[in-house]
Amino acid sequence: MSNNDFFDYLAENLSKSDVYAAKAIGEISAYIINYRVSNGLSQKEFAEMMGVTQSMVSKWESAEYNFTVEAIAKIAEKLQCTFEINFVPEHKYYNSVTTVSNQFFVALIKSSPILKDTYVGQEVA
C-alpha cells in the first residue's frame, strides 16, 4: 500500500473526532510514560504511587484507555502538574498537521486502539 493509498484510506474511514481523540490519548500516554521513566519508576511502583493497578498503568501507557476529563484531572493532581485542552480553528490545526512526517501517522495508528481497530488487516507502508 502506497502512502497516498494509506492517506486516502484514512480520509475515507476516519472521522476528524477519531483523529483528534487518538492524538490526545497518544499525548497523555506519552506524558505518563515519560514521567514514569524519567523518575526511574517501574509500572508497579508508579501504579502504587497513583493508587491504581499495574494493569491500569499498562493500559494508560499503551493508549488502550479512553481517558475522561476527570481521569486526566486526577492523574494531573497526583503528578503535581496541570493540563490544558485547546480548541484550535481547523485551518490552523490542519496546516500544522501537514508538516508532520508520514512516520508519525504510521506510529500513531499502530499505537492507538481507536485507529488500529479501524485499520485492521491493512498493510501500513
PDB file of N, CA and C in Angstrom:
ATOM      1  N   MET A   1       0.851  -1.172   0.000  1.00  0.00           N
ATOM      2  CA  MET A   1       0.000   0.000   0.000  1.00  0.00           C
ATOM      3  C   MET A   1       0.895   1.232   0.000  1.00  0.00           C
ATOM      4  N   SER A   2       0.683   2.139  -0.932  1.00  0.00           N
ATOM      5  CA  SER A   2       1.470   3.365  -1.001  1.00  0.00           C
ATOM      6  C   SER A   2       0.989   4.344   0.066  1.00  0.00           C
ATOM      7  N   ASN A   3       1.809   5.348   0.322  1.00  0.00           N
ATOM      8  CA  ASN A   3       1.415   6.361   1.296  1.00  0.00           C
ATOM      9  C   ASN A   3       0.148   7.087   0.853  1.00  0.00           C
ATOM     10  N   ASN A   4       0.005   7.337  -0.452  1.00  0.00           N
ATOM     11  CA  ASN A   4      -1.206   8.001  -0.934  1.00  0.00           C
ATOM     12  C   ASN A   4      -2.436   7.144  -0.674  1.00  0.00           C
ATOM     13  N   ASP A   5      -2.332   5.830  -0.946  1.00  0.00           N
ATOM     14  CA  ASP A   5      -3.446   4.920  -0.667  1.00  0.00           C
ATOM     15  C   ASP A   5      -3.760   4.919   0.824  1.00  0.00           C
ATOM     16  N   PHE A   6      -2.720   4.928   1.615  1.00  0.00           N
ATOM     17  CA  PHE A   6      -2.861   4.930   3.067  1.00  0.00           C
ATOM     18  C   PHE A   6      -3.637   6.157   3.527  1.00  0.00           C
ATOM     19  N   PHE A   7      -3.244   7.332   3.044  1.00  0.00           N
ATOM     20  CA  PHE A   7      -3.921   8.556   3.461  1.00  0.00           C
ATOM     21  C   PHE A   7      -5.328   8.639   2.886  1.00  0.00           C
ATOM     22  N   ASP A   8      -5.534   8.110   1.687  1.00  0.00           N
ATOM     23  CA  ASP A   8      -6.889   8.049   1.127  1.00  0.00           C
ATOM     24  C   ASP A   8      -7.770   7.175   2.004  1.00  0.00           C
ATOM     25  N   TYR A   9      -7.228   6.035   2.446  1.00  0.00           N
ATOM     26  CA  TYR A   9      -7.983   5.137   3.334  1.00  0.00           C
ATOM     27  C   TYR A   9      -8.368   5.870   4.614  1.00  0.00           C
ATOM     28  N   LEU A  10      -7.421   6.582   5.194  1.00  0.00           N
ATOM     29  CA  LEU A  10      -7.701   7.317   6.427  1.00  0.00           C
ATOM     30  C   LEU A  10      -8.790   8.355   6.200  1.00  0.00           C
ATOM     31  N   ALA A  11      -8.675   9.099   5.120  1.00  0.00           N
ATOM     32  CA  ALA A  11      -9.654  10.147   4.834  1.00  0.00           C
ATOM     33  C   ALA A  11     -11.058   9.580   4.653  1.00  0.00           C
ATOM     34  N   GLU A  12     -11.146   8.388   4.084  1.00  0.00           N
ATOM     35  CA  GLU A  12     -12.455   7.780   3.824  1.00  0.00           C
ATOM     36  C   GLU A  12     -13.050   7.087   5.042  1.00  0.00           C
ATOM     37  N   ASN A  13     -12.207   6.662   5.994  1.00  0.00           N
ATOM     38  CA  ASN A  13     -12.693   5.801   7.065  1.00  0.00           C
ATOM     39  C   ASN A  13     -12.585   6.371   8.475  1.00  0.00           C
ATOM     40  N   LEU A  14     -11.933   7.484   8.634  1.00  0.00           N
ATOM     41  CA  LEU A  14     -11.790   8.062   9.965  1.00  0.00           C
ATOM     42  C   LEU A  14     -12.438   9.437  10.016  1.00  0.00           C
ATOM     43  N   SER A  15     -13.148   9.664  11.088  1.00  0.00           N
ATOM     44  CA  SER A  15     -13.702  10.997  11.282  1.00  0.00           C
ATOM     45  C   SER A  15     -12.641  11.893  11.904  1.00  0.00           C
ATOM     46  N   LYS A  16     -12.860  13.169  11.840  1.00  0.00           N
ATOM     47  CA  LYS A  16     -11.943  14.104  12.480  1.00  0.00           C
ATOM     48  C   LYS A  16     -11.870  13.822  13.975  1.00  0.00           C
ATOM     49  N   SER A  17     -13.011  13.486  14.561  1.00  0.00           N
ATOM     50  CA  SER A  17     -13.006  13.232  16.005  1.00  0.00           C
ATOM     51  C   SER A  17     -12.165  12.008  16.346  1.00  0.00           C
ATOM     52  N   ASP A  18     -12.115  10.987  15.452  1.00  0.00           N
ATOM     53  CA  ASP A  18     -11.234   9.832  15.682  1.00  0.00           C
ATOM     54  C   ASP A  18      -9.776  10.270  15.746  1.00  0.00           C
ATOM     55  N   VAL A  19      -9.395  11.128  14.819  1.00  0.00           N
ATOM     56  CA  VAL A  19      -8.013  11.613  14.768  1.00  0.00           C
ATOM     57  C   VAL A  19      -7.707  12.470  15.988  1.00  0.00           C
ATOM     58  N   TYR A  20      -8.614  13.379  16.336  1.00  0.00           N
ATOM     59  CA  TYR A  20      -8.403  14.239  17.500  1.00  0.00           C
ATOM     60  C   TYR A  20      -8.261  13.404  18.780  1.00  0.00           C
ATOM     61  N   ALA A  21      -9.139  12.409  18.940  1.00  0.00           N
ATOM     62  CA  ALA A  21      -9.094  11.565  20.134  1.00  0.00           C
ATOM     63  C   ALA A  21      -7.795  10.772  20.190  1.00  0.00           C
ATOM     64  N   ALA A  22      -7.388  10.197  19.072  1.00  0.00           N
ATOM     65  CA  ALA A  22      -6.148   9.414  19.042  1.00  0.00           C
ATOM     66  C   ALA A  22      -4.942  10.277  19.384  1.00  0.00           C
ATOM     67  N   LYS A  23      -4.933  11.501  18.875  1.00  0.00           N
ATOM     68  CA  LYS A  23      -3.830  12.414  19.170  1.00  0.00           C
ATOM     69  C   LYS A  23      -3.782  12.732  20.665  1.00  0.00           C
ATOM     70  N   ALA A  24      -4.932  13.051  21.246  1.00  0.00           N
ATOM     71  CA  ALA A  24      -4.977  13.388  22.675  1.00  0.00           C
ATOM     72  C   ALA A  24      -4.567  12.195  23.541  1.00  0.00           C
ATOM     73  N   ILE A  25      -5.100  11.023  23.234  1.00  0.00           N
ATOM     74  CA  ILE A  25      -4.752   9.827  24.000  1.00  0.00           C
ATOM     75  C   ILE A  25      -3.262   9.532  23.880  1.00  0.00           C
ATOM     76  N   GLY A  26      -2.726   9.669  22.687  1.00  0.00           N
ATOM     77  CA  GLY A  26      -1.291   9.449  22.484  1.00  0.00           C
ATOM     78  C   GLY A  26      -0.440  10.412  23.287  1.00  0.00           C
ATOM     79  N   GLU A  27      -0.848  11.672  23.334  1.00  0.00           N
ATOM     80  CA  GLU A  27      -0.096  12.668  24.097  1.00  0.00           C
ATOM     81  C   GLU A  27      -0.148  12.378  25.598  1.00  0.00           C
ATOM     82  N   ILE A  28      -1.304  11.987  26.096  1.00  0.00           N
ATOM     83  CA  ILE A  28      -1.442  11.667  27.526  1.00  0.00           C
ATOM     84  C   ILE A  28      -0.591  10.437  27.856  1.00  0.00           C
ATOM     85  N   SER A  29      -0.691   9.416  27.032  1.00  0.00           N
ATOM     86  CA  SER A  29       0.084   8.192  27.258  1.00  0.00           C
ATOM     87  C   SER A  29       1.583   8.487  27.241  1.00  0.00           C
ATOM     88  N   ALA A  30       2.020   9.294  26.279  1.00  0.00           N
ATOM     89  CA  ALA A  30       3.440   9.642  26.186  1.00  0.00           C
ATOM     90  C   ALA A  30       3.898  10.404  27.427  1.00  0.00           C
ATOM     91  N   TYR A  31       3.053  11.310  27.938  1.00  0.00           N
ATOM     92  CA  TYR A  31       3.422  12.060  29.134  1.00  0.00           C
ATOM     93  C   TYR A  31       3.594  11.115  30.323  1.00  0.00           C
ATOM     94  N   ILE A  32       2.660  10.195  30.467  1.00  0.00           N
ATOM     95  CA  ILE A  32       2.730   9.246  31.587  1.00  0.00           C
ATOM     96  C   ILE A  32       3.997   8.399  31.489  1.00  0.00           C
ATOM     97  N   ILE A  33       4.282   7.884  30.315  1.00  0.00           N
ATOM     98  CA  ILE A  33       5.497   7.075  30.121  1.00  0.00           C
ATOM     99  C   ILE A  33       6.734   7.896  30.450  1.00  0.00           C
ATOM    100  N   ASN A  34       6.809   9.098  29.887  1.00  0.00           N
ATOM    101  CA  ASN A  34       7.984   9.947  30.133  1.00  0.00           C
ATOM    102  C   ASN A  34       8.144  10.272  31.606  1.00  0.00           C
ATOM    103  N   TYR A  35       7.046  10.557  32.285  1.00  0.00           N
ATOM    104  CA  TYR A  35       7.109  10.863  33.718  1.00  0.00           C
ATOM    105  C   TYR A  35       7.642   9.660  34.488  1.00  0.00           C
ATOM    106  N   ARG A  36       7.044   8.496  34.226  1.00  0.00           N
ATOM    107  CA  ARG A  36       7.431   7.291  34.967  1.00  0.00           C
ATOM    108  C   ARG A  36       8.890   6.945  34.732  1.00  0.00           C
ATOM    109  N   VAL A  37       9.304   6.927  33.472  1.00  0.00           N
ATOM    110  CA  VAL A  37      10.678   6.536  33.133  1.00  0.00           C
ATOM    111  C   VAL A  37      11.681   7.562  33.661  1.00  0.00           C
ATOM    112  N   SER A  38      11.382   8.844  33.503  1.00  0.00           N
ATOM    113  CA  SER A  38      12.325   9.872  33.959  1.00  0.00           C
ATOM    114  C   SER A  38      12.469   9.884  35.477  1.00  0.00           C
ATOM    115  N   ASN A  39      11.485   9.322  36.179  1.00  0.00           N
ATOM    116  CA  ASN A  39      11.575   9.221  37.643  1.00  0.00           C
ATOM    117  C   ASN A  39      12.055   7.847  38.093  1.00  0.00           C
ATOM    118  N   GLY A  40      12.467   7.020  37.144  1.00  0.00           N
ATOM    119  CA  GLY A  40      13.045   5.714  37.468  1.00  0.00           C
ATOM    120  C   GLY A  40      12.074   4.752  38.114  1.00  0.00           C
ATOM    121  N   LEU A  41      10.791   4.855  37.778  1.00  0.00           N
ATOM    122  CA  LEU A  41       9.785   4.006  38.399  1.00  0.00           C
ATOM    123  C   LEU A  41       9.376   2.870  37.474  1.00  0.00           C
ATOM    124  N   SER A  42       9.172   1.694  38.047  1.00  0.00           N
ATOM    125  CA  SER A  42       8.571   0.593  37.299  1.00  0.00           C
ATOM    126  C   SER A  42       7.077   0.879  37.182  1.00  0.00           C
ATOM    127  N   GLN A  43       6.401   0.135  36.326  1.00  0.00           N
ATOM    128  CA  GLN A  43       4.942   0.297  36.242  1.00  0.00           C
ATOM    129  C   GLN A  43       4.300  -0.012  37.584  1.00  0.00           C
ATOM    130  N   LYS A  44       4.813  -1.017  38.279  1.00  0.00           N
ATOM    131  CA  LYS A  44       4.244  -1.386  39.577  1.00  0.00           C
ATOM    132  C   LYS A  44       4.433  -0.251  40.588  1.00  0.00           C
ATOM    133  N   GLU A  45       5.628   0.310  40.646  1.00  0.00           N
ATOM    134  CA  GLU A  45       5.890   1.409  41.574  1.00  0.00           C
ATOM    135  C   GLU A  45       5.032   2.641  41.230  1.00  0.00           C
ATOM    136  N   PHE A  46       4.927   2.928  39.949  1.00  0.00           N
ATOM    137  CA  PHE A  46       4.122   4.062  39.508  1.00  0.00           C
ATOM    138  C   PHE A  46       2.651   3.833  39.862  1.00  0.00           C
ATOM    139  N   ALA A  47       2.176   2.606  39.662  1.00  0.00           N
ATOM    140  CA  ALA A  47       0.787   2.267  39.994  1.00  0.00           C
ATOM    141  C   ALA A  47       0.516   2.492  41.480  1.00  0.00           C
ATOM    142  N   GLU A  48       1.433   2.069  42.313  1.00  0.00           N
ATOM    143  CA  GLU A  48       1.279   2.273  43.760  1.00  0.00           C
ATOM    144  C   GLU A  48       1.197   3.762  44.085  1.00  0.00           C
ATOM    145  N   MET A  49       2.061   4.548  43.456  1.00  0.00           N
ATOM    146  CA  MET A  49       2.065   5.997  43.673  1.00  0.00           C
ATOM    147  C   MET A  49       0.735   6.617  43.235  1.00  0.00           C
ATOM    148  N   MET A  50       0.179   6.098  42.136  1.00  0.00           N
ATOM    149  CA  MET A  50      -1.050   6.652  41.571  1.00  0.00           C
ATOM    150  C   MET A  50      -2.305   6.080  42.221  1.00  0.00           C
ATOM    151  N   GLY A  51      -2.174   5.007  42.981  1.00  0.00           N
ATOM    152  CA  GLY A  51      -3.337   4.390  43.613  1.00  0.00           C
ATOM    153  C   GLY A  51      -4.185   3.578  42.651  1.00  0.00           C
ATOM    154  N   VAL A  52      -3.521   3.001  41.647  1.00  0.00           N
ATOM    155  CA  VAL A  52      -4.207   2.162  40.663  1.00  0.00           C
ATOM    156  C   VAL A  52      -3.422   0.857  40.512  1.00  0.00           C
ATOM    157  N   THR A  53      -3.935  -0.038  39.701  1.00  0.00           N
ATOM    158  CA  THR A  53      -3.240  -1.303  39.464  1.00  0.00           C
ATOM    159  C   THR A  53      -2.174  -1.127  38.384  1.00  0.00           C
ATOM    160  N   GLN A  54      -1.220  -2.059  38.367  1.00  0.00           N
ATOM    161  CA  GLN A  54      -0.205  -2.056  37.318  1.00  0.00           C
ATOM    162  C   GLN A  54      -0.857  -2.257  35.962  1.00  0.00           C
ATOM    163  N   SER A  55      -1.923  -3.026  35.931  1.00  0.00           N
ATOM    164  CA  SER A  55      -2.666  -3.257  34.695  1.00  0.00           C
ATOM    165  C   SER A  55      -3.224  -1.949  34.138  1.00  0.00           C
ATOM    166  N   MET A  56      -3.713  -1.084  35.009  1.00  0.00           N
ATOM    167  CA  MET A  56      -4.245   0.207  34.563  1.00  0.00           C
ATOM    168  C   MET A  56      -3.128   1.071  33.988  1.00  0.00           C
ATOM    169  N   VAL A  57      -1.980   1.083  34.643  1.00  0.00           N
ATOM    170  CA  VAL A  57      -0.845   1.846  34.119  1.00  0.00           C
ATOM    171  C   VAL A  57      -0.465   1.324  32.742  1.00  0.00           C
ATOM    172  N   SER A  58      -0.467   0.017  32.580  1.00  0.00           N
ATOM    173  CA  SER A  58      -0.170  -0.581  31.284  1.00  0.00           C
ATOM    174  C   SER A  58      -1.164  -0.103  30.217  1.00  0.00           C
ATOM    175  N   LYS A  59      -2.434  -0.056  30.568  1.00  0.00           N
ATOM    176  CA  LYS A  59      -3.454   0.447  29.628  1.00  0.00           C
ATOM    177  C   LYS A  59      -3.203   1.909  29.285  1.00  0.00           C
ATOM    178  N   TRP A  60      -2.915   2.724  30.309  1.00  0.00           N
ATOM    179  CA  TRP A  60      -2.632   4.131  30.062  1.00  0.00           C
ATOM    180  C   TRP A  60      -1.481   4.272  29.075  1.00  0.00           C
ATOM    181  N   GLU A  61      -0.414   3.517  29.316  1.00  0.00           N
ATOM    182  CA  GLU A  61       0.798   3.667  28.518  1.00  0.00           C
ATOM    183  C   GLU A  61       0.664   3.094  27.110  1.00  0.00           C
ATOM    184  N   SER A  62      -0.209   2.155  26.923  1.00  0.00           N
ATOM    185  CA  SER A  62      -0.363   1.564  25.588  1.00  0.00           C
ATOM    186  C   SER A  62      -1.504   2.211  24.815  1.00  0.00           C
ATOM    187  N   ALA A  63      -2.050   3.282  25.352  1.00  0.00           N
ATOM    188  CA  ALA A  63      -3.157   4.024  24.726  1.00  0.00           C
ATOM    189  C   ALA A  63      -4.396   3.152  24.560  1.00  0.00           C
ATOM    190  N   GLU A  64      -4.619   2.243  25.495  1.00  0.00           N
ATOM    191  CA  GLU A  64      -5.812   1.396  25.472  1.00  0.00           C
ATOM    192  C   GLU A  64      -6.878   1.898  26.444  1.00  0.00           C
ATOM    193  N   TYR A  65      -6.722   3.107  26.907  1.00  0.00           N
ATOM    194  CA  TYR A  65      -7.644   3.665  27.886  1.00  0.00           C
ATOM    195  C   TYR A  65      -8.206   4.960  27.330  1.00  0.00           C
ATOM    196  N   ASN A  66      -9.513   5.068  27.307  1.00  0.00           N
ATOM    197  CA  ASN A  66     -10.158   6.282  26.831  1.00  0.00           C
ATOM    198  C   ASN A  66     -10.350   7.212  28.030  1.00  0.00           C
ATOM    199  N   PHE A  67      -9.391   8.076  28.244  1.00  0.00           N
ATOM    200  CA  PHE A  67      -9.375   8.959  29.404  1.00  0.00           C
ATOM    201  C   PHE A  67     -10.582   9.893  29.425  1.00  0.00           C
ATOM    202  N   THR A  68     -11.196  10.023  30.592  1.00  0.00           N
ATOM    203  CA  THR A  68     -12.202  11.066  30.785  1.00  0.00           C
ATOM    204  C   THR A  68     -11.475  12.306  31.293  1.00  0.00           C
ATOM    205  N   VAL A  69     -12.137  13.435  31.225  1.00  0.00           N
ATOM    206  CA  VAL A  69     -11.539  14.655  31.758  1.00  0.00           C
ATOM    207  C   VAL A  69     -11.275  14.484  33.249  1.00  0.00           C
ATOM    208  N   GLU A  70     -12.189  13.824  33.955  1.00  0.00           N
ATOM    209  CA  GLU A  70     -11.995  13.589  35.391  1.00  0.00           C
ATOM    210  C   GLU A  70     -10.763  12.717  35.644  1.00  0.00           C
ATOM    211  N   ALA A  71     -10.566  11.680  34.828  1.00  0.00           N
ATOM    212  CA  ALA A  71      -9.390  10.815  34.992  1.00  0.00           C
ATOM    213  C   ALA A  71      -8.111  11.609  34.735  1.00  0.00           C
ATOM    214  N   ILE A  72      -8.121  12.448  33.702  1.00  0.00           N
ATOM    215  CA  ILE A  72      -6.948  13.270  33.405  1.00  0.00           C
ATOM    216  C   ILE A  72      -6.662  14.217  34.566  1.00  0.00           C
ATOM    217  N   ALA A  73      -7.709  14.810  35.122  1.00  0.00           N
ATOM    218  CA  ALA A  73      -7.541  15.731  36.247  1.00  0.00           C
ATOM    219  C   ALA A  73      -6.936  15.017  37.456  1.00  0.00           C
ATOM    220  N   LYS A  74      -7.379  13.793  37.731  1.00  0.00           N
ATOM    221  CA  LYS A  74      -6.835  13.029  38.863  1.00  0.00           C
ATOM    222  C   LYS A  74      -5.380  12.662  38.625  1.00  0.00           C
ATOM    223  N   ILE A  75      -5.057  12.279  37.410  1.00  0.00           N
ATOM    224  CA  ILE A  75      -3.667  11.959  37.075  1.00  0.00           C
ATOM    225  C   ILE A  75      -2.806  13.201  37.236  1.00  0.00           C
ATOM    226  N   ALA A  76      -3.267  14.331  36.704  1.00  0.00           N
ATOM    227  CA  ALA A  76      -2.512  15.584  36.811  1.00  0.00           C
ATOM    228  C   ALA A  76      -2.289  15.972  38.268  1.00  0.00           C
ATOM    229  N   GLU A  77      -3.319  15.816  39.079  1.00  0.00           N
ATOM    230  CA  GLU A  77      -3.187  16.153  40.504  1.00  0.00           C
ATOM    231  C   GLU A  77      -2.113  15.293  41.167  1.00  0.00           C
ATOM    232  N   LYS A  78      -2.146  13.986  40.903  1.00  0.00           N
ATOM    233  CA  LYS A  78      -1.156  13.085  41.510  1.00  0.00           C
ATOM    234  C   LYS A  78       0.259  13.397  41.023  1.00  0.00           C
ATOM    235  N   LEU A  79       0.381  13.827  39.770  1.00  0.00           N
ATOM    236  CA  LEU A  79       1.696  14.129  39.208  1.00  0.00           C
ATOM    237  C   LEU A  79       2.114  15.575  39.456  1.00  0.00           C
ATOM    238  N   GLN A  80       1.263  16.304  40.166  1.00  0.00           N
ATOM    239  CA  GLN A  80       1.502  17.700  40.511  1.00  0.00           C
ATOM    240  C   GLN A  80       1.797  18.535  39.264  1.00  0.00           C
ATOM    241  N   CYS A  81       0.906  18.404  38.303  1.00  0.00           N
ATOM    242  CA  CYS A  81       1.014  19.194  37.080  1.00  0.00           C
ATOM    243  C   CYS A  81      -0.385  19.647  36.674  1.00  0.00           C
ATOM    244  N   THR A  82      -0.440  20.481  35.685  1.00  0.00           N
ATOM    245  CA  THR A  82      -1.718  20.930  35.144  1.00  0.00           C
ATOM    246  C   THR A  82      -1.866  20.362  33.741  1.00  0.00           C
ATOM    247  N   PHE A  83      -3.046  20.495  33.197  1.00  0.00           N
ATOM    248  CA  PHE A  83      -3.258  20.108  31.810  1.00  0.00           C
ATOM    249  C   PHE A  83      -4.166  21.135  31.166  1.00  0.00           C
ATOM    250  N   GLU A  84      -4.076  21.220  29.856  1.00  0.00           N
ATOM    251  CA  GLU A  84      -4.895  22.163  29.112  1.00  0.00           C
ATOM    252  C   GLU A  84      -5.582  21.446  27.967  1.00  0.00           C
ATOM    253  N   ILE A  85      -6.769  21.892  27.669  1.00  0.00           N
ATOM    254  CA  ILE A  85      -7.476  21.438  26.481  1.00  0.00           C
ATOM    255  C   ILE A  85      -7.620  22.672  25.604  1.00  0.00           C
ATOM    256  N   ASN A  86      -7.088  22.594  24.402  1.00  0.00           N
ATOM    257  CA  ASN A  86      -7.118  23.737  23.500  1.00  0.00           C
ATOM    258  C   ASN A  86      -8.018  23.449  22.309  1.00  0.00           C
ATOM    259  N   PHE A  87      -8.862  24.383  22.004  1.00  0.00           N
ATOM    260  CA  PHE A  87      -9.665  24.314  20.796  1.00  0.00           C
ATOM    261  C   PHE A  87      -8.981  25.219  19.773  1.00  0.00           C
ATOM    262  N   VAL A  88      -8.561  24.622  18.660  1.00  0.00           N
ATOM    263  CA  VAL A  88      -7.808  25.332  17.634  1.00  0.00           C
ATOM    264  C   VAL A  88      -8.631  25.336  16.351  1.00  0.00           C
ATOM    265  N   PRO A  89      -8.774  26.495  15.707  1.00  0.00           N
ATOM    266  CA  PRO A  89      -9.500  26.508  14.427  1.00  0.00           C
ATOM    267  C   PRO A  89      -8.908  25.475  13.467  1.00  0.00           C
ATOM    268  N   GLU A  90      -9.776  24.768  12.747  1.00  0.00           N
ATOM    269  CA  GLU A  90      -9.329  23.668  11.892  1.00  0.00           C
ATOM    270  C   GLU A  90      -8.262  24.084  10.894  1.00  0.00           C
ATOM    271  N   HIS A  91      -8.377  25.241  10.299  1.00  0.00           N
ATOM    272  CA  HIS A  91      -7.386  25.627   9.287  1.00  0.00           C
ATOM    273  C   HIS A  91      -5.992  25.735   9.902  1.00  0.00           C
ATOM    274  N   LYS A  92      -5.886  26.174  11.143  1.00  0.00           N
ATOM    275  CA  LYS A  92      -4.585  26.230  11.812  1.00  0.00           C
ATOM    276  C   LYS A  92      -4.119  24.830  12.193  1.00  0.00           C
ATOM    277  N   TYR A  93      -5.051  24.000  12.649  1.00  0.00           N
ATOM    278  CA  TYR A  93      -4.702  22.630  13.026  1.00  0.00           C
ATOM    279  C   TYR A  93      -4.187  21.857  11.822  1.00  0.00           C
ATOM    280  N   TYR A  94      -4.920  21.895  10.720  1.00  0.00           N
ATOM    281  CA  TYR A  94      -4.527  21.124   9.541  1.00  0.00           C
ATOM    282  C   TYR A  94      -3.254  21.657   8.910  1.00  0.00           C
ATOM    283  N   ASN A  95      -3.017  22.956   8.973  1.00  0.00           N
ATOM    284  CA  ASN A  95      -1.753  23.490   8.459  1.00  0.00           C
ATOM    285  C   ASN A  95      -0.582  22.934   9.244  1.00  0.00           C
ATOM    286  N   SER A  96      -0.735  22.785  10.567  1.00  0.00           N
ATOM    287  CA  SER A  96       0.363  22.242  11.371  1.00  0.00           C
ATOM    288  C   SER A  96       0.497  20.740  11.169  1.00  0.00           C
ATOM    289  N   VAL A  97      -0.617  20.054  10.955  1.00  0.00           N
ATOM    290  CA  VAL A  97      -0.577  18.603  10.761  1.00  0.00           C
ATOM    291  C   VAL A  97       0.147  18.250   9.471  1.00  0.00           C
ATOM    292  N   THR A  98       0.010  19.058   8.443  1.00  0.00           N
ATOM    293  CA  THR A  98       0.631  18.730   7.164  1.00  0.00           C
ATOM    294  C   THR A  98       2.150  18.759   7.241  1.00  0.00           C
ATOM    295  N   THR A  99       2.705  19.376   8.268  1.00  0.00           N
ATOM    296  CA  THR A  99       4.156  19.416   8.403  1.00  0.00           C
ATOM    297  C   THR A  99       4.704  18.182   9.112  1.00  0.00           C
ATOM    298  N   VAL A 100       3.844  17.337   9.640  1.00  0.00           N
ATOM    299  CA  VAL A 100       4.281  16.146  10.373  1.00  0.00           C
ATOM    300  C   VAL A 100       4.588  15.027   9.386  1.00  0.00           C
ATOM    301  N   SER A 101       5.607  14.232   9.672  1.00  0.00           N
ATOM    302  CA  SER A 101       6.030  13.192   8.732  1.00  0.00           C
ATOM    303  C   SER A 101       5.070  12.012   8.688  1.00  0.00           C
ATOM    304  N   ASN A 102       5.128  11.266   7.597  1.00  0.00           N
ATOM    305  CA  ASN A 102       4.312  10.065   7.433  1.00  0.00           C
ATOM    306  C   ASN A 102       4.591   9.051   8.540  1.00  0.00           C
ATOM    307  N   GLN A 103       5.831   8.969   8.996  1.00  0.00           N
ATOM    308  CA  GLN A 103       6.177   8.009  10.041  1.00  0.00           C
ATOM    309  C   GLN A 103       5.393   8.267  11.315  1.00  0.00           C
ATOM    310  N   PHE A 104       5.119   9.527  11.622  1.00  0.00           N
ATOM    311  CA  PHE A 104       4.343   9.850  12.807  1.00  0.00           C
ATOM    312  C   PHE A 104       2.947   9.246  12.703  1.00  0.00           C
ATOM    313  N   PHE A 105       2.313   9.405  11.538  1.00  0.00           N
ATOM    314  CA  PHE A 105       0.968   8.891  11.358  1.00  0.00           C
ATOM    315  C   PHE A 105       0.936   7.368  11.426  1.00  0.00           C
ATOM    316  N   VAL A 106       1.943   6.727  10.862  1.00  0.00           N
ATOM    317  CA  VAL A 106       2.011   5.269  10.922  1.00  0.00           C
ATOM    318  C   VAL A 106       2.149   4.832  12.374  1.00  0.00           C
ATOM    319  N   ALA A 107       3.047   5.477  13.121  1.00  0.00           N
ATOM    320  CA  ALA A 107       3.231   5.132  14.535  1.00  0.00           C
ATOM    321  C   ALA A 107       1.967   5.407  15.333  1.00  0.00           C
ATOM    322  N   LEU A 108       1.291   6.501  15.035  1.00  0.00           N
ATOM    323  CA  LEU A 108       0.054   6.846  15.733  1.00  0.00           C
ATOM    324  C   LEU A 108      -0.995   5.770  15.529  1.00  0.00           C
ATOM    325  N   ILE A 109      -1.159   5.330  14.309  1.00  0.00           N
ATOM    326  CA  ILE A 109      -2.177   4.322  14.008  1.00  0.00           C
ATOM    327  C   ILE A 109      -1.837   3.001  14.667  1.00  0.00           C
ATOM    328  N   LYS A 110      -0.580   2.598  14.607  1.00  0.00           N
ATOM    329  CA  LYS A 110      -0.189   1.326  15.194  1.00  0.00           C
ATOM    330  C   LYS A 110      -0.331   1.326  16.712  1.00  0.00           C
ATOM    331  N   SER A 111      -0.203   2.515  17.336  1.00  0.00           N
ATOM    332  CA  SER A 111      -0.236   2.572  18.796  1.00  0.00           C
ATOM    333  C   SER A 111      -1.612   2.908  19.360  1.00  0.00           C
ATOM    334  N   SER A 112      -2.547   3.286  18.526  1.00  0.00           N
ATOM    335  CA  SER A 112      -3.853   3.719  19.014  1.00  0.00           C
ATOM    336  C   SER A 112      -4.911   2.657  18.786  1.00  0.00           C
ATOM    337  N   PRO A 113      -5.589   2.214  19.852  1.00  0.00           N
ATOM    338  CA  PRO A 113      -6.647   1.222  19.664  1.00  0.00           C
ATOM    339  C   PRO A 113      -7.796   1.754  18.816  1.00  0.00           C
ATOM    340  N   ILE A 114      -8.055   3.041  18.883  1.00  0.00           N
ATOM    341  CA  ILE A 114      -9.135   3.627  18.094  1.00  0.00           C
ATOM    342  C   ILE A 114      -8.818   3.495  16.606  1.00  0.00           C
ATOM    343  N   LEU A 115      -7.614   3.885  16.231  1.00  0.00           N
ATOM    344  CA  LEU A 115      -7.235   3.840  14.829  1.00  0.00           C
ATOM    345  C   LEU A 115      -6.856   2.436  14.390  1.00  0.00           C
ATOM    346  N   LYS A 116      -6.165   1.688  15.264  1.00  0.00           N
ATOM    347  CA  LYS A 116      -5.717   0.341  14.913  1.00  0.00           C
ATOM    348  C   LYS A 116      -6.910  -0.552  14.597  1.00  0.00           C
ATOM    349  N   ASP A 117      -7.973  -0.471  15.385  1.00  0.00           N
ATOM    350  CA  ASP A 117      -9.154  -1.299  15.139  1.00  0.00           C
ATOM    351  C   ASP A 117      -9.807  -0.954  13.809  1.00  0.00           C
ATOM    352  N   THR A 118      -9.730   0.298  13.425  1.00  0.00           N
ATOM    353  CA  THR A 118     -10.303   0.724  12.156  1.00  0.00           C
ATOM    354  C   THR A 118      -9.440   0.260  10.993  1.00  0.00           C
ATOM    355  N   TYR A 119      -8.148   0.126  11.205  1.00  0.00           N
ATOM    356  CA  TYR A 119      -7.195  -0.152  10.139  1.00  0.00           C
ATOM    357  C   TYR A 119      -6.764  -1.613  10.108  1.00  0.00           C
ATOM    358  N   VAL A 120      -7.506  -2.502  10.794  1.00  0.00           N
ATOM    359  CA  VAL A 120      -7.158  -3.907  10.878  1.00  0.00           C
ATOM    360  C   VAL A 120      -7.084  -4.524   9.486  1.00  0.00           C
ATOM    361  N   GLY A 121      -6.036  -5.306   9.269  1.00  0.00           N
ATOM    362  CA  GLY A 121      -5.893  -6.034   8.014  1.00  0.00           C
ATOM    363  C   GLY A 121      -5.257  -5.236   6.905  1.00  0.00           C
ATOM    364  N   GLN A 122      -5.007  -3.964   7.097  1.00  0.00           N
ATOM    365  CA  GLN A 122      -4.382  -3.150   6.078  1.00  0.00           C
ATOM    366  C   GLN A 122      -2.875  -3.102   6.335  1.00  0.00           C
ATOM    367  N   GLU A 123      -2.120  -3.176   5.271  1.00  0.00           N
ATOM    368  CA  GLU A 123      -0.665  -3.078   5.397  1.00  0.00           C
ATOM    369  C   GLU A 123      -0.295  -1.619   5.443  1.00  0.00           C
ATOM    370  N   VAL A 124       0.506  -1.230   6.423  1.00  0.00           N
ATOM    371  CA  VAL A 124       0.931   0.150   6.554  1.00  0.00           C
ATOM    372  C   VAL A 124       2.296   0.279   5.947  1.00  0.00           C
ATOM    373  N   ALA A 125       2.455   1.184   4.988  1.00  0.00           N
ATOM    374  CA  ALA A 125       3.744   1.369   4.294  1.00  0.00           C
ATOM    375  C   ALA A 125       4.761   2.004   5.197  1.00  0.00           C
TER     376      ALA A 125
END
